[in-house]
C-alpha atoms as a PDB file:
ATOM      1  CA  MET A   1      88.491  96.392 126.105  1.00  0.00           C
ATOM      2  CA  LYS A   2      90.650  95.813 123.043  1.00  0.00           C
ATOM      3  CA  LYS A   3      93.429  97.824 121.469  1.00  0.00           C
ATOM      4  CA  ILE A   4      92.430  98.406 117.847  1.00  0.00           C
ATOM      5  CA  LEU A   5      94.905  99.839 115.341  1.00  0.00           C
ATOM      6  CA  ILE A   6      93.564 101.401 112.135  1.00  0.00           C
ATOM      7  CA  LEU A   7      95.885 101.801 109.133  1.00  0.00           C
ATOM      8  CA  ALA A   8      94.890 104.139 106.288  1.00  0.00           C
ATOM      9  CA  ASN A   9      96.574 106.419 103.777  1.00  0.00           C
ATOM     10  CA  ASN A  10      94.897 109.756 104.567  1.00  0.00           C
ATOM     11  CA  ASP A  11      92.981 111.583 107.269  1.00  0.00           C
ATOM     12  CA  VAL A  12      90.215 112.945 105.046  1.00  0.00           C
ATOM     13  CA  GLY A  13      88.757 109.620 103.960  1.00  0.00           C
ATOM     14  CA  LEU A  14      89.195 108.004 107.350  1.00  0.00           C
ATOM     15  CA  TYR A  15      87.352 110.743 109.217  1.00  0.00           C
ATOM     16  CA  LYS A  16      84.671 111.564 106.667  1.00  0.00           C
ATOM     17  CA  PHE A  17      83.696 108.007 105.788  1.00  0.00           C
ATOM     18  CA  ARG A  18      84.636 105.930 108.877  1.00  0.00           C
ATOM     19  CA  LYS A  19      84.035 108.216 111.844  1.00  0.00           C
ATOM     20  CA  GLU A  20      80.759 106.513 112.758  1.00  0.00           C
ATOM     21  CA  LEU A  21      82.471 103.104 112.862  1.00  0.00           C
ATOM     22  CA  ILE A  22      85.361 104.514 114.902  1.00  0.00           C
ATOM     23  CA  ARG A  23      82.959 106.201 117.318  1.00  0.00           C
ATOM     24  CA  GLU A  24      80.979 102.976 117.817  1.00  0.00           C
ATOM     25  CA  LEU A  25      84.142 100.953 118.453  1.00  0.00           C
ATOM     26  CA  SER A  26      85.298 103.583 120.943  1.00  0.00           C
ATOM     27  CA  ASP A  27      81.891 103.695 122.662  1.00  0.00           C
ATOM     28  CA  GLN A  28      82.152  99.945 123.168  1.00  0.00           C
ATOM     29  CA  GLY A  29      85.199 100.590 125.346  1.00  0.00           C
ATOM     30  CA  ASN A  30      87.996  99.878 122.884  1.00  0.00           C
ATOM     31  CA  SER A  31      91.207 101.906 122.633  1.00  0.00           C
ATOM     32  CA  ILE A  32      91.556 103.192 119.066  1.00  0.00           C
ATOM     33  CA  TYR A  33      94.918 103.994 117.454  1.00  0.00           C
ATOM     34  CA  VAL A  34      94.968 105.585 114.002  1.00  0.00           C
ATOM     35  CA  SER A  35      98.037 105.437 111.769  1.00  0.00           C
ATOM     36  CA  ILE A  36      97.735 108.060 109.004  1.00  0.00           C
ATOM     37  CA  PRO A  37      99.689 111.027 107.633  1.00  0.00           C
ATOM     38  CA  ASN A  38      99.068 114.282 109.520  1.00  0.00           C
ATOM     39  CA  GLY A  39      96.261 116.474 108.228  1.00  0.00           C
ATOM     40  CA  GLU A  40      93.432 118.767 109.192  1.00  0.00           C
ATOM     41  CA  PHE A  41      91.085 115.903 110.119  1.00  0.00           C
ATOM     42  CA  VAL A  42      93.510 114.391 112.614  1.00  0.00           C
ATOM     43  CA  GLN A  43      92.350 116.656 115.446  1.00  0.00           C
ATOM     44  CA  PRO A  44      88.679 115.635 115.087  1.00  0.00           C
ATOM     45  CA  LEU A  45      89.825 112.003 115.344  1.00  0.00           C
ATOM     46  CA  VAL A  46      91.838 112.826 118.463  1.00  0.00           C
ATOM     47  CA  ASP A  47      88.806 114.649 119.881  1.00  0.00           C
ATOM     48  CA  MET A  48      86.876 111.399 119.441  1.00  0.00           C
ATOM     49  CA  GLY A  49      89.408 109.683 121.700  1.00  0.00           C
ATOM     50  CA  CYS A  50      91.775 108.197 119.114  1.00  0.00           C
ATOM     51  CA  THR A  51      95.513 108.016 119.628  1.00  0.00           C
ATOM     52  CA  PHE A  52      97.170 109.483 116.529  1.00  0.00           C
ATOM     53  CA  ILE A  53     100.353 107.993 115.025  1.00  0.00           C
ATOM     54  CA  ASP A  54     101.850 110.215 112.329  1.00  0.00           C
ATOM     55  CA  THR A  55     102.763 107.897 109.436  1.00  0.00           C
ATOM     56  CA  GLU A  56     104.224 109.033 106.127  1.00  0.00           C
ATOM     57  CA  ILE A  57     102.717 107.282 103.086  1.00  0.00           C
ATOM     58  CA  ASP A  58     103.441 107.997  99.433  1.00  0.00           C
ATOM     59  CA  ARG A  59     100.003 106.939  98.234  1.00  0.00           C
ATOM     60  CA  ARG A  60     100.687 106.766  94.496  1.00  0.00           C
ATOM     61  CA  GLY A  61     104.484 106.479  94.473  1.00  0.00           C
ATOM     62  CA  LYS A  62     106.377 103.373  93.339  1.00  0.00           C
ATOM     63  CA  ASN A  63     109.703 104.016  95.069  1.00  0.00           C
ATOM     64  CA  PRO A  64     110.672 100.695  96.721  1.00  0.00           C
ATOM     65  CA  PHE A  65     112.818 102.400  99.361  1.00  0.00           C
ATOM     66  CA  THR A  66     109.892 104.561 100.483  1.00  0.00           C
ATOM     67  CA  ASP A  67     107.705 101.463 100.726  1.00  0.00           C
ATOM     68  CA  ILE A  68     110.360  99.542 102.664  1.00  0.00           C
ATOM     69  CA  LYS A  69     110.446 102.431 105.121  1.00  0.00           C
ATOM     70  CA  LEU A  70     106.669 102.128 105.525  1.00  0.00           C
ATOM     71  CA  ILE A  71     106.966  98.372 106.162  1.00  0.00           C
ATOM     72  CA  ILE A  72     109.561  99.013 108.888  1.00  0.00           C
ATOM     73  CA  THR A  73     107.322 101.695 110.401  1.00  0.00           C
ATOM     74  CA  TYR A  74     104.366  99.294 110.529  1.00  0.00           C
ATOM     75  CA  SER A  75     106.532  96.583 112.064  1.00  0.00           C
ATOM     76  CA  LYS A  76     107.767  98.812 114.867  1.00  0.00           C
ATOM     77  CA  MET A  77     104.279 100.204 115.461  1.00  0.00           C
ATOM     78  CA  ILE A  78     102.586  96.817 115.762  1.00  0.00           C
ATOM     79  CA  ASN A  79     105.345  95.422 117.989  1.00  0.00           C
ATOM     80  CA  LYS A  80     105.028  98.421 120.304  1.00  0.00           C
ATOM     81  CA  ILE A  81     101.225  98.682 120.516  1.00  0.00           C
ATOM     82  CA  LYS A  82     100.493  94.943 120.360  1.00  0.00           C
ATOM     83  CA  PRO A  83      96.912  95.487 119.135  1.00  0.00           C
ATOM     84  CA  GLU A  84      94.250  92.801 119.479  1.00  0.00           C
ATOM     85  CA  MET A  85      92.922  93.821 116.067  1.00  0.00           C
ATOM     86  CA  VAL A  86      94.219  95.769 113.058  1.00  0.00           C
ATOM     87  CA  ILE A  87      91.737  97.283 110.590  1.00  0.00           C
ATOM     88  CA  LYS A  88      93.256  98.286 107.254  1.00  0.00           C
ATOM     89  CA  TYR A  89      92.035 100.550 104.440  1.00  0.00           C
ATOM     90  CA  THR A  90      93.490 101.374 101.001  1.00  0.00           C
ATOM     91  CA  ILE A  91      96.166  99.613  98.985  1.00  0.00           C
ATOM     92  CA  LYS A  92      99.504 100.126 100.750  1.00  0.00           C
ATOM     93  CA  PRO A  93      98.159  99.743 104.300  1.00  0.00           C
ATOM     94  CA  ASN A  94      96.318  96.614 103.155  1.00  0.00           C
ATOM     95  CA  ILE A  95      99.391  95.049 101.576  1.00  0.00           C
ATOM     96  CA  TYR A  96     102.247  96.158 103.824  1.00  0.00           C
ATOM     97  CA  GLY A  97     100.199  96.226 107.002  1.00  0.00           C
ATOM     98  CA  GLY A  98      98.847  92.783 106.148  1.00  0.00           C
ATOM     99  CA  LEU A  99     102.336  91.335 105.677  1.00  0.00           C
ATOM    100  CA  ILE A 100     103.465  92.615 109.082  1.00  0.00           C
ATOM    101  CA  CYS A 101     100.268  91.421 110.805  1.00  0.00           C
ATOM    102  CA  ARG A 102     100.707  87.994 109.266  1.00  0.00           C
ATOM    103  CA  LEU A 103     104.361  87.732 110.316  1.00  0.00           C
ATOM    104  CA  SER A 104     103.624  88.950 113.844  1.00  0.00           C
ATOM    105  CA  LYS A 105     100.470  86.776 114.128  1.00  0.00           C
ATOM    106  CA  THR A 106      98.366  89.865 114.863  1.00  0.00           C
ATOM    107  CA  PRO A 107      94.636  89.479 114.055  1.00  0.00           C
ATOM    108  CA  TYR A 108      93.574  91.741 111.190  1.00  0.00           C
ATOM    109  CA  VAL A 109      90.786  92.523 108.748  1.00  0.00           C
ATOM    110  CA  SER A 110      91.144  94.195 105.356  1.00  0.00           C
ATOM    111  CA  ASN A 111      88.954  96.643 103.448  1.00  0.00           C
ATOM    112  CA  ILE A 112      89.283  96.755  99.661  1.00  0.00           C
ATOM    113  CA  THR A 113      88.045 100.276  98.953  1.00  0.00           C
ATOM    114  CA  GLY A 114      89.161 100.233  95.312  1.00  0.00           C
ATOM    115  CA  LEU A 115      91.346  98.267  92.909  1.00  0.00           C
ATOM    116  CA  GLY A 116      93.608 101.075  91.708  1.00  0.00           C
ATOM    117  CA  THR A 117      95.217 101.296  88.285  1.00  0.00           C
ATOM    118  CA  SER A 118      97.208  98.052  88.580  1.00  0.00           C
ATOM    119  CA  PHE A 119      94.101  95.940  87.883  1.00  0.00           C
ATOM    120  CA  GLN A 120      93.050  97.895  84.794  1.00  0.00           C
ATOM    121  CA  LYS A 121      95.166  95.796  82.411  1.00  0.00           C
ATOM    122  CA  ASP A 122      97.206  92.594  82.478  1.00  0.00           C
ATOM    123  CA  GLY A 123     100.959  92.847  82.831  1.00  0.00           C
ATOM    124  CA  ILE A 124     103.909  92.528  85.170  1.00  0.00           C
ATOM    125  CA  LEU A 125     102.569  95.160  87.574  1.00  0.00           C
ATOM    126  CA  LYS A 126      99.223  93.402  87.966  1.00  0.00           C
ATOM    127  CA  THR A 127     100.943  90.028  88.461  1.00  0.00           C
ATOM    128  CA  PHE A 128     103.182  91.503  91.158  1.00  0.00           C
ATOM    129  CA  VAL A 129     100.315  93.245  92.950  1.00  0.00           C
ATOM    130  CA  VAL A 130      98.211  90.066  92.866  1.00  0.00           C
ATOM    131  CA  LEU A 131     101.100  88.161  94.465  1.00  0.00           C
ATOM    132  CA  LEU A 132     101.485  90.792  97.186  1.00  0.00           C
ATOM    133  CA  TYR A 133      97.757  90.697  97.921  1.00  0.00           C
ATOM    134  CA  ARG A 134      97.807  86.881  98.167  1.00  0.00           C
ATOM    135  CA  LEU A 135     100.633  87.022 100.677  1.00  0.00           C
ATOM    136  CA  SER A 136      99.211  89.891 102.707  1.00  0.00           C
ATOM    137  CA  LEU A 137      95.571  88.764 102.882  1.00  0.00           C
ATOM    138  CA  LYS A 138      96.165  85.059 103.470  1.00  0.00           C
ATOM    139  CA  GLU A 139      95.563  85.251 107.237  1.00  0.00           C
ATOM    140  CA  SER A 140      93.070  88.111 107.189  1.00  0.00           C
ATOM    141  CA  ARG A 141      90.050  87.189 109.308  1.00  0.00           C
ATOM    142  CA  MET A 142      87.713  88.972 106.918  1.00  0.00           C
ATOM    143  CA  ILE A 143      88.096  90.907 103.681  1.00  0.00           C
ATOM    144  CA  PHE A 144      85.437  93.581 103.136  1.00  0.00           C
ATOM    145  CA  PHE A 145      84.599  94.705  99.607  1.00  0.00           C
ATOM    146  CA  GLU A 146      82.610  97.732  98.480  1.00  0.00           C
ATOM    147  CA  ASN A 147      81.255  96.300  95.229  1.00  0.00           C
ATOM    148  CA  GLU A 148      80.578  92.984  93.541  1.00  0.00           C
ATOM    149  CA  GLU A 149      83.146  93.394  90.762  1.00  0.00           C
ATOM    150  CA  SER A 150      86.104  93.969  93.100  1.00  0.00           C
ATOM    151  CA  GLN A 151      85.068  90.966  95.170  1.00  0.00           C
ATOM    152  CA  GLN A 152      84.833  88.718  92.102  1.00  0.00           C
ATOM    153  CA  ILE A 153      88.168  89.920  90.677  1.00  0.00           C
ATOM    154  CA  PHE A 154      89.936  88.987  93.921  1.00  0.00           C
ATOM    155  CA  ILE A 155      88.238  85.565  93.908  1.00  0.00           C
ATOM    156  CA  ASP A 156      88.998  84.938  90.213  1.00  0.00           C
ATOM    157  CA  ASN A 157      92.663  85.835  90.756  1.00  0.00           C
ATOM    158  CA  LYS A 158      92.781  83.386  93.689  1.00  0.00           C
ATOM    159  CA  ILE A 159      93.707  86.144  96.117  1.00  0.00           C
ATOM    160  CA  VAL A 160      90.893  85.237  98.508  1.00  0.00           C
ATOM    161  CA  THR A 161      88.185  82.606  98.896  1.00  0.00           C
ATOM    162  CA  ARG A 162      84.555  83.672  98.898  1.00  0.00           C
ATOM    163  CA  GLU A 163      83.862  82.432 102.427  1.00  0.00           C
ATOM    164  CA  LYS A 164      86.400  84.918 103.820  1.00  0.00           C
ATOM    165  CA  THR A 165      84.776  87.891 102.102  1.00  0.00           C
ATOM    166  CA  CYS A 166      81.937  90.231 102.991  1.00  0.00           C
ATOM    167  CA  ARG A 167      80.446  92.731 100.554  1.00  0.00           C
ATOM    168  CA  LEU A 168      79.164  95.973 102.029  1.00  0.00           C
ATOM    169  CA  HIS A 169      77.488  98.876 100.225  1.00  0.00           C
ATOM    170  CA  GLY A 170      80.618 100.968 100.514  1.00  0.00           C
ATOM    171  CA  ALA A 171      81.079 103.002 103.661  1.00  0.00           C
ATOM    172  CA  GLY A 172      77.412 104.019 103.541  1.00  0.00           C
ATOM    173  CA  VAL A 173      76.117 107.502 104.188  1.00  0.00           C
ATOM    174  CA  ASN A 174      74.992 109.191 107.402  1.00  0.00           C
ATOM    175  CA  LEU A 175      71.380 110.059 106.615  1.00  0.00           C
ATOM    176  CA  LEU A 176      71.205 112.549 109.487  1.00  0.00           C
ATOM    177  CA  GLU A 177      74.302 114.404 108.330  1.00  0.00           C
ATOM    178  CA  PHE A 178      73.262 114.355 104.661  1.00  0.00           C
ATOM    179  CA  GLN A 179      69.574 115.095 105.029  1.00  0.00           C
ATOM    180  CA  PHE A 180      67.139 115.490 102.181  1.00  0.00           C
ATOM    181  CA  CYS A 181      66.847 119.126 101.107  1.00  0.00           C
ATOM    182  CA  HIS A 182      64.362 120.712  98.738  1.00  0.00           C
ATOM    183  CA  TYR A 183      65.287 120.836  95.083  1.00  0.00           C
ATOM    184  CA  PRO A 184      66.575 124.239  93.858  1.00  0.00           C
ATOM    185  CA  PRO A 185      63.838 126.573  92.563  1.00  0.00           C
ATOM    186  CA  ASN A 186      62.978 126.609  88.890  1.00  0.00           C
ATOM    187  CA  ASN A 187      64.996 129.566  87.683  1.00  0.00           C
ATOM    188  CA  ASP A 188      67.089 130.219  84.604  1.00  0.00           C
ATOM    189  CA  GLU A 189      70.364 128.618  85.791  1.00  0.00           C
ATOM    190  CA  ILE A 190      71.027 124.870  85.850  1.00  0.00           C
ATOM    191  CA  HIS A 191      73.946 123.812  88.060  1.00  0.00           C
ATOM    192  CA  PHE A 192      75.989 120.641  87.575  1.00  0.00           C
ATOM    193  CA  LEU A 193      78.412 119.612  90.324  1.00  0.00           C
ATOM    194  CA  PHE A 194      81.550 117.466  90.430  1.00  0.00           C
ATOM    195  CA  ILE A 195      83.147 116.594  93.786  1.00  0.00           C
ATOM    196  CA  GLY A 196      86.321 114.543  93.858  1.00  0.00           C
ATOM    197  CA  ARG A 197      90.052 114.411  93.465  1.00  0.00           C
ATOM    198  CA  ILE A 198      91.063 116.209  90.274  1.00  0.00           C
ATOM    199  CA  MET A 199      92.629 113.396  88.270  1.00  0.00           C
ATOM    200  CA  LYS A 200      92.192 111.622  84.935  1.00  0.00           C
ATOM    201  CA  GLU A 201      90.677 108.472  86.437  1.00  0.00           C
ATOM    202  CA  LYS A 202      87.774 110.469  87.858  1.00  0.00           C
ATOM    203  CA  GLY A 203      86.765 111.288  84.277  1.00  0.00           C
ATOM    204  CA  ILE A 204      87.785 114.928  84.585  1.00  0.00           C
ATOM    205  CA  ASP A 205      88.960 115.120  80.939  1.00  0.00           C
ATOM    206  CA  GLU A 206      85.589 113.979  79.609  1.00  0.00           C
ATOM    207  CA  LEU A 207      83.730 116.263  82.008  1.00  0.00           C
ATOM    208  CA  LEU A 208      85.708 119.347  81.016  1.00  0.00           C
ATOM    209  CA  ALA A 209      85.306 118.543  77.318  1.00  0.00           C
ATOM    210  CA  ALA A 210      81.550 118.148  77.782  1.00  0.00           C
ATOM    211  CA  ALA A 211      81.384 121.407  79.761  1.00  0.00           C
ATOM    212  CA  LYS A 212      83.086 123.321  76.942  1.00  0.00           C
ATOM    213  CA  LYS A 213      80.657 121.963  74.360  1.00  0.00           C
ATOM    214  CA  ILE A 214      77.589 122.493  76.566  1.00  0.00           C
ATOM    215  CA  LYS A 215      78.522 126.114  77.339  1.00  0.00           C
ATOM    216  CA  LYS A 216      78.634 126.915  73.632  1.00  0.00           C
ATOM    217  CA  LYS A 217      74.962 125.944  73.350  1.00  0.00           C
ATOM    218  CA  TYR A 218      73.557 126.637  76.842  1.00  0.00           C
ATOM    219  CA  SER A 219      74.798 129.844  78.434  1.00  0.00           C
ATOM    220  CA  ASN A 220      72.569 129.301  81.490  1.00  0.00           C
ATOM    221  CA  VAL A 221      74.377 126.108  82.567  1.00  0.00           C
ATOM    222  CA  VAL A 222      76.936 126.284  85.403  1.00  0.00           C
ATOM    223  CA  PHE A 223      79.588 123.649  86.124  1.00  0.00           C
ATOM    224  CA  ASP A 224      80.906 123.684  89.703  1.00  0.00           C
ATOM    225  CA  ILE A 225      84.097 121.716  90.385  1.00  0.00           C
ATOM    226  CA  VAL A 226      85.050 120.903  93.995  1.00  0.00           C
ATOM    227  CA  GLY A 227      88.182 118.990  94.995  1.00  0.00           C
ATOM    228  CA  GLY A 228      91.917 119.057  95.491  1.00  0.00           C
ATOM    229  CA  PHE A 229      94.490 118.325  92.806  1.00  0.00           C
ATOM    230  CA  GLU A 230      95.767 114.746  92.652  1.00  0.00           C
ATOM    231  CA  GLU A 231      97.342 115.405  89.240  1.00  0.00           C
ATOM    232  CA  ASP A 232      98.502 118.515  87.371  1.00  0.00           C
ATOM    233  CA  TYR A 233      95.230 120.093  86.233  1.00  0.00           C
ATOM    234  CA  LYS A 234      95.614 123.452  87.951  1.00  0.00           C
ATOM    235  CA  ASP A 235      96.429 125.537  84.867  1.00  0.00           C
ATOM    236  CA  THR A 236      93.706 123.814  82.838  1.00  0.00           C
ATOM    237  CA  LEU A 237      90.997 124.496  85.421  1.00  0.00           C
ATOM    238  CA  LEU A 238      92.039 128.089  86.031  1.00  0.00           C
ATOM    239  CA  LYS A 239      92.027 128.846  82.292  1.00  0.00           C
ATOM    240  CA  LEU A 240      88.566 127.305  81.922  1.00  0.00           C
ATOM    241  CA  GLN A 241      87.376 129.350  84.874  1.00  0.00           C
ATOM    242  CA  GLU A 242      88.701 132.535  83.257  1.00  0.00           C
ATOM    243  CA  ARG A 243      86.713 131.647  80.145  1.00  0.00           C
ATOM    244  CA  GLY A 244      83.545 131.118  82.182  1.00  0.00           C
ATOM    245  CA  ILE A 245      83.327 127.405  81.386  1.00  0.00           C
ATOM    246  CA  ILE A 246      83.559 126.212  85.005  1.00  0.00           C
ATOM    247  CA  ASN A 247      83.680 127.510  88.570  1.00  0.00           C
ATOM    248  CA  TYR A 248      86.530 125.864  90.468  1.00  0.00           C
ATOM    249  CA  HIS A 249      86.114 125.960  94.252  1.00  0.00           C
ATOM    250  CA  GLY A 250      89.139 123.936  95.416  1.00  0.00           C
ATOM    251  CA  PHE A 251      89.011 121.443  98.258  1.00  0.00           C
ATOM    252  CA  GLN A 252      86.107 122.028 100.646  1.00  0.00           C
ATOM    253  CA  ILE A 253      85.726 120.586 104.138  1.00  0.00           C
ATOM    254  CA  ASP A 254      81.942 120.899 103.950  1.00  0.00           C
ATOM    255  CA  VAL A 255      80.450 120.037 100.562  1.00  0.00           C
ATOM    256  CA  LYS A 256      76.795 120.207 101.627  1.00  0.00           C
ATOM    257  CA  PRO A 257      76.263 123.864 100.555  1.00  0.00           C
ATOM    258  CA  PHE A 258      77.395 122.940  97.041  1.00  0.00           C
ATOM    259  CA  ILE A 259      75.093 119.917  96.940  1.00  0.00           C
ATOM    260  CA  GLU A 260      72.142 122.011  98.132  1.00  0.00           C
ATOM    261  CA  LYS A 261      72.356 124.444  95.228  1.00  0.00           C
ATOM    262  CA  THR A 262      73.114 121.943  92.471  1.00  0.00           C
ATOM    263  CA  ASN A 263      70.544 120.493  90.108  1.00  0.00           C
ATOM    264  CA  CYS A 264      72.543 117.383  89.260  1.00  0.00           C
ATOM    265  CA  PHE A 265      75.740 115.665  90.393  1.00  0.00           C
ATOM    266  CA  ILE A 266      78.175 114.230  87.823  1.00  0.00           C
ATOM    267  CA  LEU A 267      80.875 111.590  88.397  1.00  0.00           C
ATOM    268  CA  PRO A 268      82.236 110.076  85.138  1.00  0.00           C
ATOM    269  CA  SER A 269      84.840 107.963  86.976  1.00  0.00           C
ATOM    270  CA  TYR A 270      86.809 105.108  85.375  1.00  0.00           C
ATOM    271  CA  HIS A 271      86.757 102.908  88.500  1.00  0.00           C
ATOM    272  CA  GLU A 272      85.531 103.155  92.086  1.00  0.00           C
ATOM    273  CA  GLY A 273      85.197 101.046  95.197  1.00  0.00           C
ATOM    274  CA  MET A 274      81.942 102.758  96.098  1.00  0.00           C
ATOM    275  CA  ALA A 275      81.706 106.447  95.288  1.00  0.00           C
ATOM    276  CA  ASN A 276      80.797 108.202  98.547  1.00  0.00           C
ATOM    277  CA  THR A 277      80.018 111.437  96.711  1.00  0.00           C
ATOM    278  CA  LEU A 278      77.211 109.705  94.827  1.00  0.00           C
ATOM    279  CA  LEU A 279      75.753 108.469  98.111  1.00  0.00           C
ATOM    280  CA  GLU A 280      75.994 111.893  99.751  1.00  0.00           C
ATOM    281  CA  CYS A 281      74.455 113.790  96.816  1.00  0.00           C
ATOM    282  CA  GLY A 282      71.773 111.167  96.359  1.00  0.00           C
ATOM    283  CA  ALA A 283      70.937 111.247 100.073  1.00  0.00           C
ATOM    284  CA  MET A 284      70.380 115.001  99.809  1.00  0.00           C
ATOM    285  CA  GLY A 285      67.942 114.466  96.950  1.00  0.00           C
ATOM    286  CA  ARG A 286      69.923 115.209  93.828  1.00  0.00           C
ATOM    287  CA  PRO A 287      69.792 113.434  90.452  1.00  0.00           C
ATOM    288  CA  LEU A 288      73.003 111.631  89.484  1.00  0.00           C
ATOM    289  CA  ILE A 289      74.894 111.174  86.219  1.00  0.00           C
ATOM    290  CA  THR A 290      77.682 108.625  86.548  1.00  0.00           C
ATOM    291  CA  SER A 291      79.611 105.852  84.834  1.00  0.00           C
ATOM    292  CA  ASP A 292      78.007 102.482  84.171  1.00  0.00           C
ATOM    293  CA  ILE A 293      80.574 100.657  86.308  1.00  0.00           C
ATOM    294  CA  TYR A 294      80.546  98.853  89.637  1.00  0.00           C
ATOM    295  CA  GLY A 295      81.089 101.313  92.459  1.00  0.00           C
ATOM    296  CA  CYS A 296      78.948 103.915  90.673  1.00  0.00           C
ATOM    297  CA  LYS A 297      75.964 102.216  89.063  1.00  0.00           C
ATOM    298  CA  GLU A 298      74.684 100.833  92.379  1.00  0.00           C
ATOM    299  CA  ALA A 299      73.579 104.379  93.250  1.00  0.00           C
ATOM    300  CA  VAL A 300      71.592 104.910  90.030  1.00  0.00           C
ATOM    301  CA  ILE A 301      68.534 103.347  88.478  1.00  0.00           C
ATOM    302  CA  ASP A 302      68.929 104.548  84.913  1.00  0.00           C
ATOM    303  CA  GLU A 303      66.316 107.153  83.924  1.00  0.00           C
ATOM    304  CA  VAL A 304      64.723 106.966  87.385  1.00  0.00           C
ATOM    305  CA  ASN A 305      67.117 108.939  89.602  1.00  0.00           C
ATOM    306  CA  GLY A 306      69.703 109.790  86.969  1.00  0.00           C
ATOM    307  CA  TYR A 307      71.596 108.505  83.961  1.00  0.00           C
ATOM    308  CA  LEU A 308      74.361 105.954  83.472  1.00  0.00           C
ATOM    309  CA  VAL A 309      77.055 106.737  80.896  1.00  0.00           C
ATOM    310  CA  ASN A 310      79.660 104.618  79.149  1.00  0.00           C
ATOM    311  CA  VAL A 311      83.022 104.915  80.860  1.00  0.00           C
ATOM    312  CA  SER A 312      85.483 107.381  79.256  1.00  0.00           C
ATOM    313  CA  ASP A 313      82.891 108.181  76.573  1.00  0.00           C
ATOM    314  CA  PHE A 314      82.737 111.945  76.004  1.00  0.00           C
ATOM    315  CA  ASP A 315      79.891 111.748  73.489  1.00  0.00           C
ATOM    316  CA  ASP A 316      77.668 109.726  75.796  1.00  0.00           C
ATOM    317  CA  LEU A 317      78.427 112.008  78.746  1.00  0.00           C
ATOM    318  CA  TYR A 318      77.581 115.086  76.672  1.00  0.00           C
ATOM    319  CA  ALA A 319      74.346 113.492  75.462  1.00  0.00           C
ATOM    320  CA  LYS A 320      73.205 112.613  79.003  1.00  0.00           C
ATOM    321  CA  ILE A 321      74.007 116.099  80.323  1.00  0.00           C
ATOM    322  CA  GLU A 322      72.070 117.684  77.461  1.00  0.00           C
ATOM    323  CA  ARG A 323      69.206 115.280  78.013  1.00  0.00           C
ATOM    324  CA  PHE A 324      68.990 116.272  81.665  1.00  0.00           C
ATOM    325  CA  ILE A 325      69.033 119.972  80.764  1.00  0.00           C
ATOM    326  CA  ASN A 326      66.009 119.536  78.540  1.00  0.00           C
ATOM    327  CA  ILE A 327      63.722 117.383  80.692  1.00  0.00           C
ATOM    328  CA  PRO A 328      60.901 119.258  82.478  1.00  0.00           C
ATOM    329  CA  TYR A 329      61.609 120.747  85.892  1.00  0.00           C
ATOM    330  CA  ILE A 330      59.121 118.426  87.594  1.00  0.00           C
ATOM    331  CA  GLU A 331      61.016 115.408  86.216  1.00  0.00           C
ATOM    332  CA  LYS A 332      64.238 116.747  87.719  1.00  0.00           C
ATOM    333  CA  VAL A 333      62.488 117.061  91.082  1.00  0.00           C
ATOM    334  CA  LYS A 334      61.168 113.485  90.841  1.00  0.00           C
ATOM    335  CA  MET A 335      64.647 112.216  90.041  1.00  0.00           C
ATOM    336  CA  GLY A 336      65.990 113.916  93.153  1.00  0.00           C
ATOM    337  CA  MET A 337      63.342 112.353  95.361  1.00  0.00           C
ATOM    338  CA  ALA A 338      64.040 108.942  93.812  1.00  0.00           C
ATOM    339  CA  SER A 339      67.737 109.364  94.656  1.00  0.00           C
ATOM    340  CA  ARG A 340      66.966 109.995  98.313  1.00  0.00           C
ATOM    341  CA  ASN A 341      64.690 106.962  98.512  1.00  0.00           C
ATOM    342  CA  LEU A 342      67.209 104.663  96.819  1.00  0.00           C
ATOM    343  CA  ILE A 343      70.133 105.744  99.002  1.00  0.00           C
ATOM    344  CA  ALA A 344      68.138 105.678 102.245  1.00  0.00           C
ATOM    345  CA  GLU A 345      66.907 102.168 101.517  1.00  0.00           C
ATOM    346  CA  ASN A 346      70.254 100.638 100.546  1.00  0.00           C
ATOM    347  CA  PHE A 347      73.130 102.682 101.957  1.00  0.00           C
ATOM    348  CA  ASP A 348      72.243 103.680 105.523  1.00  0.00           C
ATOM    349  CA  LYS A 349      75.493 104.130 107.475  1.00  0.00           C
ATOM    350  CA  LYS A 350      73.981 102.589 110.634  1.00  0.00           C
ATOM    351  CA  ASP A 351      73.321  99.282 108.881  1.00  0.00           C
ATOM    352  CA  ILE A 352      76.807  99.136 107.390  1.00  0.00           C
ATOM    353  CA  VAL A 353      78.522  99.967 110.710  1.00  0.00           C
ATOM    354  CA  ASN A 354      76.506  97.228 112.449  1.00  0.00           C
ATOM    355  CA  ARG A 355      77.369  94.652 109.770  1.00  0.00           C
ATOM    356  CA  THR A 356      81.043  95.585 109.943  1.00  0.00           C
ATOM    357  CA  ILE A 357      81.272  95.221 113.717  1.00  0.00           C
ATOM    358  CA  GLU A 358      79.431  91.892 113.591  1.00  0.00           C
ATOM    359  CA  ARG A 359      82.181  90.538 111.324  1.00  0.00           C
ATOM    360  CA  LEU A 360      85.158  92.065 113.101  1.00  0.00           C
ATOM    361  CA  PHE A 361      85.320  89.781 116.106  1.00  0.00           C
ATOM    362  CA  ASN A 362      83.093  86.829 115.160  1.00  0.00           C
END
C-alpha cells in the first residue's frame, strides 16, 4: 500500500475526468489524498475513500504572494503526509508542486492538461514559465501529455526529453457513463450545444457572433449554452437570451440531458489539452464542430463526424454551422454514429487508466 497525493486546481475536473483512475488506485489498496479547493465534488471524492485537503489556489491570478503561500502549503503538506507518489494536474500544481517534490526528493509524475495563455506568444512571461517548468519537471518520473502539439512544444523548449514523456488521448471518456443515444427526431428545431467555461479562449465571442447571424436567417435554430463564468460574460449572455438568440443554462452537474437533445456540439476553442466535452458528446453519438487545433481535431474526421474550423475565425464557424443546418437529416444521423465509433475506438477511459497506471510505478 502506498500513500498517493494528488494535486489539482479544482474539484470539478478532478472528479469528472479522473475518478476512474482514482478509484482504480484506491481499489489496489493505496491511500489517496487529494489537495484541491473545496467544492461540490469534494464529497463524492471523500465517498470514494479519498482524504481531502482543502487548498486555496488562485488558478488564473499572477499575484506572487498568493503563489508563495501555495508553495508553502505544498511544502508543509508533503512533509506531513510523506507520500510515496505525487500525481499533479494543471499549471500551478505542476510547477509549484513539482518544485517542492524535487526539493524533498518525493517521487512525482506530472500531467500537462493544457499549455495556458503563456505559450500563445513569445515574451518575458513565456520565458519565465518555461524556466519554471524546466526546474519543476526535471526529476519527474513521467510527464503525461494529452496531445502531440503540447508534447512537442515542451521538447522543443528543452523542458523535457522525449523518453520521459507519454502521450495519452486526454483523460478518455467512460463509455458506460456516456452511452450512445438515438439521434433526436427529425422535427423543425435544430439544436446546437456549447459546454464549457464561459471565456474568450473557448471561442465564445465567435460562437455568439455566429449565433446572432444564424438566428436572423434560421428562426428554427436553437443555441444552448452550458457552463459557469470564468470571465465577465454574464450581461452579454443574459441580453442575448432576452433577445432569443441563445438559451443560457448555467453550470450543470449532469450535462447528459443537454447532449441527448442536441443535434450538434460546437467548441470553437483557441487551445486545449484534450477537450473532454468533445469526447463525451461524440461518445453519445453527436456530430461535432470544433477548431482545427491539437486537443480538438483528434475527435473529428472532417466531413465524416463533423467539421473542423479555423481557430478564431467567425466566418468559417458561421459557414460550417450553416452547412450542417442544410445537410439532409440522414447525414446528420450518420455523422453522429461516426462520432460514437471514433471515440469508442480511440478514447476508451479503461485503456487510458490502464496505460497511466502502468507508467506510474514502472
